């Protein structure tokens, strides 16, 4: 037997699980080429992003932004005219 009490064992196992979880997350981010994207946004942009999140029924703003970027990029490849109309927003 060990000198470890049940409480100490529970704490150690929780620490090991957390360490393994952090390693899995780190490995996943590395494999997927994750990087931080930090930017400053103002109230109007924040409100518009929230509108996109709500309209798209996204749980998280980050997910709404990621999906929007991917879909707009796809539109730019598949239908450049529609992309230009979206980006120009009626401006000439």
PDB file of N, CA and C in Angstrom:
ATOM      1  N   UNK A   1       0.835  -1.180   0.000  1.00  0.00           N
ATOM      2  CA  UNK A   1       0.000   0.000   0.000  1.00  0.00           C
ATOM      3  C   UNK A   1       0.882   1.247   0.000  1.00  0.00           C
ATOM      4  N   UNK A   2       0.259   2.352  -0.300  1.00  0.00           N
ATOM      5  CA  UNK A   2       1.005   3.603  -0.330  1.00  0.00           C
ATOM      6  C   UNK A   2       0.679   4.427   0.908  1.00  0.00           C
ATOM      7  N   UNK A   3       1.444   5.465   1.072  1.00  0.00           N
ATOM      8  CA  UNK A   3       1.220   6.385   2.191  1.00  0.00           C
ATOM      9  C   UNK A   3       0.198   7.462   1.823  1.00  0.00           C
ATOM     10  N   UNK A   4      -0.395   7.328   0.662  1.00  0.00           N
ATOM     11  CA  UNK A   4      -1.321   8.331   0.147  1.00  0.00           C
ATOM     12  C   UNK A   4      -2.719   8.137   0.749  1.00  0.00           C
ATOM     13  N   UNK A   5      -3.267   9.206   1.279  1.00  0.00           N
ATOM     14  CA  UNK A   5      -4.624   9.131   1.835  1.00  0.00           C
ATOM     15  C   UNK A   5      -5.638   9.188   0.682  1.00  0.00           C
ATOM     16  N   UNK A   6      -6.863   8.788   0.925  1.00  0.00           N
ATOM     17  CA  UNK A   6      -7.885   8.874  -0.130  1.00  0.00           C
ATOM     18  C   UNK A   6      -8.043  10.291  -0.687  1.00  0.00           C
ATOM     19  N   UNK A   7      -7.962  11.272   0.170  1.00  0.00           N
ATOM     20  CA  UNK A   7      -8.077  12.666  -0.281  1.00  0.00           C
ATOM     21  C   UNK A   7      -6.889  13.049  -1.150  1.00  0.00           C
ATOM     22  N   UNK A   8      -5.701  12.650  -0.736  1.00  0.00           N
ATOM     23  CA  UNK A   8      -4.502  12.945  -1.526  1.00  0.00           C
ATOM     24  C   UNK A   8      -4.563  12.241  -2.875  1.00  0.00           C
ATOM     25  N   UNK A   9      -5.040  11.012  -2.878  1.00  0.00           N
ATOM     26  CA  UNK A   9      -5.168  10.247  -4.123  1.00  0.00           C
ATOM     27  C   UNK A   9      -6.148  10.936  -5.067  1.00  0.00           C
ATOM     28  N   UNK A  10      -7.273  11.356  -4.527  1.00  0.00           N
ATOM     29  CA  UNK A  10      -8.281  12.041  -5.331  1.00  0.00           C
ATOM     30  C   UNK A  10      -7.704  13.323  -5.938  1.00  0.00           C
ATOM     31  N   UNK A  11      -6.969  14.074  -5.135  1.00  0.00           N
ATOM     32  CA  UNK A  11      -6.341  15.310  -5.598  1.00  0.00           C
ATOM     33  C   UNK A  11      -5.311  15.024  -6.679  1.00  0.00           C
ATOM     34  N   UNK A  12      -4.483  14.006  -6.441  1.00  0.00           N
ATOM     35  CA  UNK A  12      -3.450  13.646  -7.428  1.00  0.00           C
ATOM     36  C   UNK A  12      -4.080  13.224  -8.744  1.00  0.00           C
ATOM     37  N   UNK A  13      -5.109  12.390  -8.695  1.00  0.00           N
ATOM     38  CA  UNK A  13      -5.765  11.925  -9.917  1.00  0.00           C
ATOM     39  C   UNK A  13      -6.417  13.082 -10.673  1.00  0.00           C
ATOM     40  N   UNK A  14      -7.034  14.003  -9.941  1.00  0.00           N
ATOM     41  CA  UNK A  14      -7.640  15.177 -10.576  1.00  0.00           C
ATOM     42  C   UNK A  14      -6.571  16.023 -11.254  1.00  0.00           C
ATOM     43  N   UNK A  15      -5.429  16.183 -10.587  1.00  0.00           N
ATOM     44  CA  UNK A  15      -4.317  16.946 -11.154  1.00  0.00           C
ATOM     45  C   UNK A  15      -3.799  16.274 -12.421  1.00  0.00           C
ATOM     46  N   UNK A  16      -3.671  14.949 -12.406  1.00  0.00           N
ATOM     47  CA  UNK A  16      -3.198  14.211 -13.584  1.00  0.00           C
ATOM     48  C   UNK A  16      -4.194  14.310 -14.740  1.00  0.00           C
ATOM     49  N   UNK A  17      -5.490  14.234 -14.435  1.00  0.00           N
ATOM     50  CA  UNK A  17      -6.510  14.375 -15.482  1.00  0.00           C
ATOM     51  C   UNK A  17      -6.456  15.762 -16.112  1.00  0.00           C
ATOM     52  N   UNK A  18      -6.320  16.781 -15.275  1.00  0.00           N
ATOM     53  CA  UNK A  18      -6.262  18.154 -15.777  1.00  0.00           C
ATOM     54  C   UNK A  18      -5.019  18.357 -16.631  1.00  0.00           C
ATOM     55  N   UNK A  19      -3.902  17.805 -16.187  1.00  0.00           N
ATOM     56  CA  UNK A  19      -2.654  17.903 -16.947  1.00  0.00           C
ATOM     57  C   UNK A  19      -2.813  17.231 -18.313  1.00  0.00           C
ATOM     58  N   UNK A  20      -3.436  16.061 -18.343  1.00  0.00           N
ATOM     59  CA  UNK A  20      -3.666  15.343 -19.601  1.00  0.00           C
ATOM     60  C   UNK A  20      -4.614  16.132 -20.504  1.00  0.00           C
ATOM     61  N   UNK A  21      -5.641  16.739 -19.908  1.00  0.00           N
ATOM     62  CA  UNK A  21      -6.588  17.540 -20.686  1.00  0.00           C
ATOM     63  C   UNK A  21      -5.878  18.735 -21.326  1.00  0.00           C
ATOM     64  N   UNK A  22      -5.041  19.418 -20.562  1.00  0.00           N
ATOM     65  CA  UNK A  22      -4.303  20.566 -21.099  1.00  0.00           C
ATOM     66  C   UNK A  22      -3.367  20.141 -22.226  1.00  0.00           C
ATOM     67  N   UNK A  23      -2.731  18.974 -22.075  1.00  0.00           N
ATOM     68  CA  UNK A  23      -1.837  18.479 -23.126  1.00  0.00           C
ATOM     69  C   UNK A  23      -2.616  18.155 -24.390  1.00  0.00           C
ATOM     70  N   UNK A  24      -3.784  17.520 -24.249  1.00  0.00           N
ATOM     71  CA  UNK A  24      -4.613  17.215 -25.422  1.00  0.00           C
ATOM     72  C   UNK A  24      -5.023  18.490 -26.149  1.00  0.00           C
ATOM     73  N   UNK A  25      -5.419  19.494 -25.388  1.00  0.00           N
ATOM     74  CA  UNK A  25      -5.828  20.762 -25.985  1.00  0.00           C
ATOM     75  C   UNK A  25      -4.649  21.437 -26.683  1.00  0.00           C
ATOM     76  N   UNK A  26      -3.493  21.422 -26.049  1.00  0.00           N
ATOM     77  CA  UNK A  26      -2.291  22.005 -26.650  1.00  0.00           C
ATOM     78  C   UNK A  26      -1.931  21.276 -27.940  1.00  0.00           C
ATOM     79  N   UNK A  27      -1.967  19.944 -27.922  1.00  0.00           N
ATOM     80  CA  UNK A  27      -1.654  19.149 -29.108  1.00  0.00           C
ATOM     81  C   UNK A  27      -2.660  19.409 -30.228  1.00  0.00           C
ATOM     82  N   UNK A  28      -3.938  19.529 -29.866  1.00  0.00           N
ATOM     83  CA  UNK A  28      -4.980  19.801 -30.860  1.00  0.00           C
ATOM     84  C   UNK A  28      -4.748  21.156 -31.515  1.00  0.00           C
ATOM     85  N   UNK A  29      -4.472  22.163 -30.701  1.00  0.00           N
ATOM     86  CA  UNK A  29      -4.231  23.505 -31.240  1.00  0.00           C
ATOM     87  C   UNK A  29      -3.015  23.513 -32.155  1.00  0.00           C
ATOM     88  N   UNK A  30      -1.980  22.803 -31.764  1.00  0.00           N
ATOM     89  CA  UNK A  30      -0.772  22.724 -32.578  1.00  0.00           C
ATOM     90  C   UNK A  30      -1.067  22.032 -33.905  1.00  0.00           C
ATOM     91  N   UNK A  31      -1.784  20.912 -33.859  1.00  0.00           N
ATOM     92  CA  UNK A  31      -2.104  20.155 -35.069  1.00  0.00           C
ATOM     93  C   UNK A  31      -2.982  20.955 -36.028  1.00  0.00           C
ATOM     94  N   UNK A  32      -3.862  21.778 -35.485  1.00  0.00           N
ATOM     95  CA  UNK A  32      -4.783  22.542 -36.322  1.00  0.00           C
ATOM     96  C   UNK A  32      -4.222  23.899 -36.726  1.00  0.00           C
ATOM     97  N   UNK A  33      -3.031  24.221 -36.267  1.00  0.00           N
ATOM     98  CA  UNK A  33      -2.405  25.490 -36.627  1.00  0.00           C
ATOM     99  C   UNK A  33      -3.085  26.693 -35.993  1.00  0.00           C
ATOM    100  N   UNK A  34      -3.575  26.529 -34.796  1.00  0.00           N
ATOM    101  CA  UNK A  34      -4.282  27.613 -34.113  1.00  0.00           C
ATOM    102  C   UNK A  34      -3.341  28.766 -33.793  1.00  0.00           C
ATOM    103  N   UNK A  35      -3.888  29.960 -33.861  1.00  0.00           N
ATOM    104  CA  UNK A  35      -3.150  31.142 -33.440  1.00  0.00           C
ATOM    105  C   UNK A  35      -4.146  32.146 -32.878  1.00  0.00           C
ATOM    106  N   UNK A  36      -3.657  33.036 -32.058  1.00  0.00           N
ATOM    107  CA  UNK A  36      -4.503  34.062 -31.457  1.00  0.00           C
ATOM    108  C   UNK A  36      -4.673  35.202 -32.453  1.00  0.00           C
ATOM    109  N   UNK A  37      -5.873  35.750 -32.492  1.00  0.00           N
ATOM    110  CA  UNK A  37      -6.180  36.892 -33.349  1.00  0.00           C
ATOM    111  C   UNK A  37      -6.786  37.955 -32.449  1.00  0.00           C
ATOM    112  N   UNK A  38      -5.986  38.922 -32.098  1.00  0.00           N
ATOM    113  CA  UNK A  38      -6.431  39.943 -31.163  1.00  0.00           C
ATOM    114  C   UNK A  38      -6.674  41.231 -31.934  1.00  0.00           C
ATOM    115  N   UNK A  39      -7.845  41.813 -31.713  1.00  0.00           N
ATOM    116  CA  UNK A  39      -8.140  43.083 -32.365  1.00  0.00           C
ATOM    117  C   UNK A  39      -9.066  43.901 -31.484  1.00  0.00           C
ATOM    118  N   UNK A  40      -9.037  45.174 -31.705  1.00  0.00           N
ATOM    119  CA  UNK A  40      -9.901  46.081 -30.966  1.00  0.00           C
ATOM    120  C   UNK A  40     -11.131  46.360 -31.818  1.00  0.00           C
ATOM    121  N   UNK A  41     -12.313  46.219 -31.233  1.00  0.00           N
ATOM    122  CA  UNK A  41     -13.537  46.558 -31.951  1.00  0.00           C
ATOM    123  C   UNK A  41     -14.324  47.566 -31.126  1.00  0.00           C
ATOM    124  N   UNK A  42     -15.110  48.338 -31.829  1.00  0.00           N
ATOM    125  CA  UNK A  42     -15.898  49.366 -31.167  1.00  0.00           C
ATOM    126  C   UNK A  42     -17.349  48.916 -31.028  1.00  0.00           C
ATOM    127  N   UNK A  43     -18.124  49.723 -30.347  1.00  0.00           N
ATOM    128  CA  UNK A  43     -19.488  49.368 -29.976  1.00  0.00           C
ATOM    129  C   UNK A  43     -20.340  48.952 -31.177  1.00  0.00           C
ATOM    130  N   UNK A  44     -20.272  49.712 -32.259  1.00  0.00           N
ATOM    131  CA  UNK A  44     -21.077  49.399 -33.441  1.00  0.00           C
ATOM    132  C   UNK A  44     -20.729  48.040 -34.025  1.00  0.00           C
ATOM    133  N   UNK A  45     -19.449  47.754 -34.138  1.00  0.00           N
ATOM    134  CA  UNK A  45     -19.000  46.464 -34.660  1.00  0.00           C
ATOM    135  C   UNK A  45     -19.391  45.342 -33.715  1.00  0.00           C
ATOM    136  N   UNK A  46     -19.266  45.583 -32.430  1.00  0.00           N
ATOM    137  CA  UNK A  46     -19.660  44.576 -31.441  1.00  0.00           C
ATOM    138  C   UNK A  46     -21.150  44.283 -31.548  1.00  0.00           C
ATOM    139  N   UNK A  47     -21.958  45.324 -31.728  1.00  0.00           N
ATOM    140  CA  UNK A  47     -23.403  45.135 -31.885  1.00  0.00           C
ATOM    141  C   UNK A  47     -23.729  44.350 -33.151  1.00  0.00           C
ATOM    142  N   UNK A  48     -23.031  44.644 -34.235  1.00  0.00           N
ATOM    143  CA  UNK A  48     -23.270  43.928 -35.493  1.00  0.00           C
ATOM    144  C   UNK A  48     -22.858  42.463 -35.375  1.00  0.00           C
ATOM    145  N   UNK A  49     -21.769  42.207 -34.703  1.00  0.00           N
ATOM    146  CA  UNK A  49     -21.328  40.829 -34.485  1.00  0.00           C
ATOM    147  C   UNK A  49     -22.342  40.078 -33.624  1.00  0.00           C
ATOM    148  N   UNK A  50     -22.887  40.740 -32.645  1.00  0.00           N
ATOM    149  CA  UNK A  50     -23.926  40.128 -31.812  1.00  0.00           C
ATOM    150  C   UNK A  50     -25.179  39.847 -32.644  1.00  0.00           C
ATOM    151  N   UNK A  51     -25.515  40.753 -33.576  1.00  0.00           N
ATOM    152  CA  UNK A  51     -26.652  40.530 -34.478  1.00  0.00           C
ATOM    153  C   UNK A  51     -26.424  39.275 -35.324  1.00  0.00           C
ATOM    154  N   UNK A  52     -25.212  39.112 -35.842  1.00  0.00           N
ATOM    155  CA  UNK A  52     -24.877  37.916 -36.631  1.00  0.00           C
ATOM    156  C   UNK A  52     -24.996  36.673 -35.762  1.00  0.00           C
ATOM    157  N   UNK A  53     -24.504  36.746 -34.533  1.00  0.00           N
ATOM    158  CA  UNK A  53     -24.573  35.602 -33.623  1.00  0.00           C
ATOM    159  C   UNK A  53     -26.020  35.196 -33.353  1.00  0.00           C
ATOM    160  N   UNK A  54     -26.860  36.171 -33.095  1.00  0.00           N
ATOM    161  CA  UNK A  54     -28.262  35.885 -32.797  1.00  0.00           C
ATOM    162  C   UNK A  54     -28.983  35.359 -34.036  1.00  0.00           C
ATOM    163  N   UNK A  55     -28.815  36.053 -35.171  1.00  0.00           N
ATOM    164  CA  UNK A  55     -29.498  35.650 -36.403  1.00  0.00           C
ATOM    165  C   UNK A  55     -29.059  34.266 -36.862  1.00  0.00           C
ATOM    166  N   UNK A  56     -27.780  33.948 -36.669  1.00  0.00           N
ATOM    167  CA  UNK A  56     -27.262  32.640 -37.062  1.00  0.00           C
ATOM    168  C   UNK A  56     -27.476  31.566 -36.019  1.00  0.00           C
ATOM    169  N   UNK A  57     -28.055  31.948 -34.897  1.00  0.00           N
ATOM    170  CA  UNK A  57     -28.320  31.030 -33.788  1.00  0.00           C
ATOM    171  C   UNK A  57     -27.044  30.338 -33.290  1.00  0.00           C
ATOM    172  N   UNK A  58     -25.975  31.132 -33.183  1.00  0.00           N
ATOM    173  CA  UNK A  58     -24.709  30.632 -32.665  1.00  0.00           C
ATOM    174  C   UNK A  58     -24.680  30.819 -31.159  1.00  0.00           C
ATOM    175  N   UNK A  59     -24.057  29.886 -30.459  1.00  0.00           N
ATOM    176  CA  UNK A  59     -23.920  29.999 -29.009  1.00  0.00           C
ATOM    177  C   UNK A  59     -22.807  30.971 -28.631  1.00  0.00           C
ATOM    178  N   UNK A  60     -21.773  31.032 -29.467  1.00  0.00           N
ATOM    179  CA  UNK A  60     -20.602  31.843 -29.141  1.00  0.00           C
ATOM    180  C   UNK A  60     -20.287  32.814 -30.266  1.00  0.00           C
ATOM    181  N   UNK A  61     -19.854  34.007 -29.893  1.00  0.00           N
ATOM    182  CA  UNK A  61     -19.471  35.022 -30.865  1.00  0.00           C
ATOM    183  C   UNK A  61     -18.305  34.536 -31.724  1.00  0.00           C
ATOM    184  N   UNK A  62     -17.358  33.839 -31.105  1.00  0.00           N
ATOM    185  CA  UNK A  62     -16.190  33.348 -31.838  1.00  0.00           C
ATOM    186  C   UNK A  62     -16.607  32.381 -32.939  1.00  0.00           C
ATOM    187  N   UNK A  63     -17.574  31.530 -32.640  1.00  0.00           N
ATOM    188  CA  UNK A  63     -18.054  30.574 -33.638  1.00  0.00           C
ATOM    189  C   UNK A  63     -18.755  31.314 -34.770  1.00  0.00           C
ATOM    190  N   UNK A  64     -19.559  32.315 -34.442  1.00  0.00           N
ATOM    191  CA  UNK A  64     -20.238  33.116 -35.463  1.00  0.00           C
ATOM    192  C   UNK A  64     -19.221  33.774 -36.386  1.00  0.00           C
ATOM    193  N   UNK A  65     -18.175  34.321 -35.819  1.00  0.00           N
ATOM    194  CA  UNK A  65     -17.144  34.989 -36.611  1.00  0.00           C
ATOM    195  C   UNK A  65     -16.397  33.997 -37.495  1.00  0.00           C
ATOM    196  N   UNK A  66     -16.045  32.848 -36.956  1.00  0.00           N
ATOM    197  CA  UNK A  66     -15.334  31.825 -37.727  1.00  0.00           C
ATOM    198  C   UNK A  66     -16.168  31.350 -38.912  1.00  0.00           C
ATOM    199  N   UNK A  67     -17.419  31.012 -38.666  1.00  0.00           N
ATOM    200  CA  UNK A  67     -18.288  30.525 -39.740  1.00  0.00           C
ATOM    201  C   UNK A  67     -18.500  31.611 -40.785  1.00  0.00           C
ATOM    202  N   UNK A  68     -18.707  32.849 -40.348  1.00  0.00           N
ATOM    203  CA  UNK A  68     -18.903  33.957 -41.287  1.00  0.00           C
ATOM    204  C   UNK A  68     -17.680  34.129 -42.181  1.00  0.00           C
ATOM    205  N   UNK A  69     -16.504  34.082 -41.612  1.00  0.00           N
ATOM    206  CA  UNK A  69     -15.272  34.216 -42.401  1.00  0.00           C
ATOM    207  C   UNK A  69     -15.182  33.105 -43.440  1.00  0.00           C
ATOM    208  N   UNK A  70     -15.425  31.871 -43.028  1.00  0.00           N
ATOM    209  CA  UNK A  70     -15.330  30.744 -43.963  1.00  0.00           C
ATOM    210  C   UNK A  70     -16.376  30.847 -45.078  1.00  0.00           C
ATOM    211  N   UNK A  71     -17.597  31.216 -44.727  1.00  0.00           N
ATOM    212  CA  UNK A  71     -18.658  31.299 -45.739  1.00  0.00           C
ATOM    213  C   UNK A  71     -18.423  32.449 -46.710  1.00  0.00           C
ATOM    214  N   UNK A  72     -17.947  33.579 -46.226  1.00  0.00           N
ATOM    215  CA  UNK A  72     -17.657  34.711 -47.106  1.00  0.00           C
ATOM    216  C   UNK A  72     -16.477  34.372 -48.013  1.00  0.00           C
ATOM    217  N   UNK A  73     -15.478  33.684 -47.492  1.00  0.00           N
ATOM    218  CA  UNK A  73     -14.344  33.262 -48.325  1.00  0.00           C
ATOM    219  C   UNK A  73     -14.808  32.308 -49.418  1.00  0.00           C
ATOM    220  N   UNK A  74     -15.697  31.363 -49.049  1.00  0.00           N
ATOM    221  CA  UNK A  74     -16.240  30.431 -50.042  1.00  0.00           C
ATOM    222  C   UNK A  74     -17.022  31.195 -51.114  1.00  0.00           C
ATOM    223  N   UNK A  75     -17.814  32.178 -50.699  1.00  0.00           N
ATOM    224  CA  UNK A  75     -18.572  32.994 -51.649  1.00  0.00           C
ATOM    225  C   UNK A  75     -17.626  33.737 -52.587  1.00  0.00           C
ATOM    226  N   UNK A  76     -16.507  34.235 -52.079  1.00  0.00           N
ATOM    227  CA  UNK A  76     -15.550  34.967 -52.919  1.00  0.00           C
ATOM    228  C   UNK A  76     -14.966  34.080 -54.013  1.00  0.00           C
ATOM    229  N   UNK A  77     -14.869  32.763 -53.736  1.00  0.00           N
ATOM    230  CA  UNK A  77     -14.355  31.832 -54.746  1.00  0.00           C
ATOM    231  C   UNK A  77     -15.444  31.363 -55.706  1.00  0.00           C
ATOM    232  N   UNK A  78     -16.622  31.100 -55.176  1.00  0.00           N
ATOM    233  CA  UNK A  78     -17.678  30.506 -56.003  1.00  0.00           C
ATOM    234  C   UNK A  78     -18.476  31.537 -56.792  1.00  0.00           C
ATOM    235  N   UNK A  79     -18.640  32.740 -56.267  1.00  0.00           N
ATOM    236  CA  UNK A  79     -19.447  33.762 -56.934  1.00  0.00           C
ATOM    237  C   UNK A  79     -18.845  35.135 -56.645  1.00  0.00           C
ATOM    238  N   UNK A  80     -17.772  35.479 -57.380  1.00  0.00           N
ATOM    239  CA  UNK A  80     -17.090  36.747 -57.121  1.00  0.00           C
ATOM    240  C   UNK A  80     -18.005  37.972 -57.214  1.00  0.00           C
ATOM    241  N   UNK A  81     -18.993  37.938 -58.118  1.00  0.00           N
ATOM    242  CA  UNK A  81     -19.902  39.085 -58.253  1.00  0.00           C
ATOM    243  C   UNK A  81     -20.757  39.250 -56.995  1.00  0.00           C
ATOM    244  N   UNK A  82     -21.269  38.149 -56.469  1.00  0.00           N
ATOM    245  CA  UNK A  82     -22.064  38.211 -55.237  1.00  0.00           C
ATOM    246  C   UNK A  82     -21.189  38.661 -54.069  1.00  0.00           C
ATOM    247  N   UNK A  83     -19.949  38.205 -54.065  1.00  0.00           N
ATOM    248  CA  UNK A  83     -19.014  38.630 -53.025  1.00  0.00           C
ATOM    249  C   UNK A  83     -18.797  40.137 -53.099  1.00  0.00           C
ATOM    250  N   UNK A  84     -18.556  40.647 -54.306  1.00  0.00           N
ATOM    251  CA  UNK A  84     -18.350  42.085 -54.477  1.00  0.00           C
ATOM    252  C   UNK A  84     -19.580  42.876 -54.045  1.00  0.00           C
ATOM    253  N   UNK A  85     -20.772  42.368 -54.390  1.00  0.00           N
ATOM    254  CA  UNK A  85     -22.013  43.042 -53.982  1.00  0.00           C
ATOM    255  C   UNK A  85     -22.130  43.063 -52.456  1.00  0.00           C
ATOM    256  N   UNK A  86     -21.771  41.971 -51.820  1.00  0.00           N
ATOM    257  CA  UNK A  86     -21.817  41.900 -50.356  1.00  0.00           C
ATOM    258  C   UNK A  86     -20.829  42.881 -49.734  1.00  0.00           C
ATOM    259  N   UNK A  87     -19.614  42.886 -50.229  1.00  0.00           N
ATOM    260  CA  UNK A  87     -18.558  43.719 -49.659  1.00  0.00           C
ATOM    261  C   UNK A  87     -18.797  45.201 -49.927  1.00  0.00           C
ATOM    262  N   UNK A  88     -19.198  45.507 -51.139  1.00  0.00           N
ATOM    263  CA  UNK A  88     -19.426  46.913 -51.486  1.00  0.00           C
ATOM    264  C   UNK A  88     -20.694  47.433 -50.822  1.00  0.00           C
ATOM    265  N   UNK A  89     -21.654  46.559 -50.540  1.00  0.00           N
ATOM    266  CA  UNK A  89     -22.859  46.947 -49.815  1.00  0.00           C
ATOM    267  C   UNK A  89     -23.640  48.063 -50.458  1.00  0.00           C
ATOM    268  N   UNK A  90     -23.702  48.082 -51.776  1.00  0.00           N
ATOM    269  CA  UNK A  90     -24.455  49.119 -52.468  1.00  0.00           C
ATOM    270  C   UNK A  90     -23.626  50.347 -52.798  1.00  0.00           C
ATOM    271  N   UNK A  91     -22.377  50.383 -52.317  1.00  0.00           N
ATOM    272  CA  UNK A  91     -21.505  51.523 -52.644  1.00  0.00           C
ATOM    273  C   UNK A  91     -21.013  51.379 -54.076  1.00  0.00           C
ATOM    274  N   UNK A  92     -20.827  52.480 -54.729  1.00  0.00           N
ATOM    275  CA  UNK A  92     -20.317  52.463 -56.112  1.00  0.00           C
ATOM    276  C   UNK A  92     -18.943  53.078 -56.166  1.00  0.00           C
TER     277      UNK A  92
END
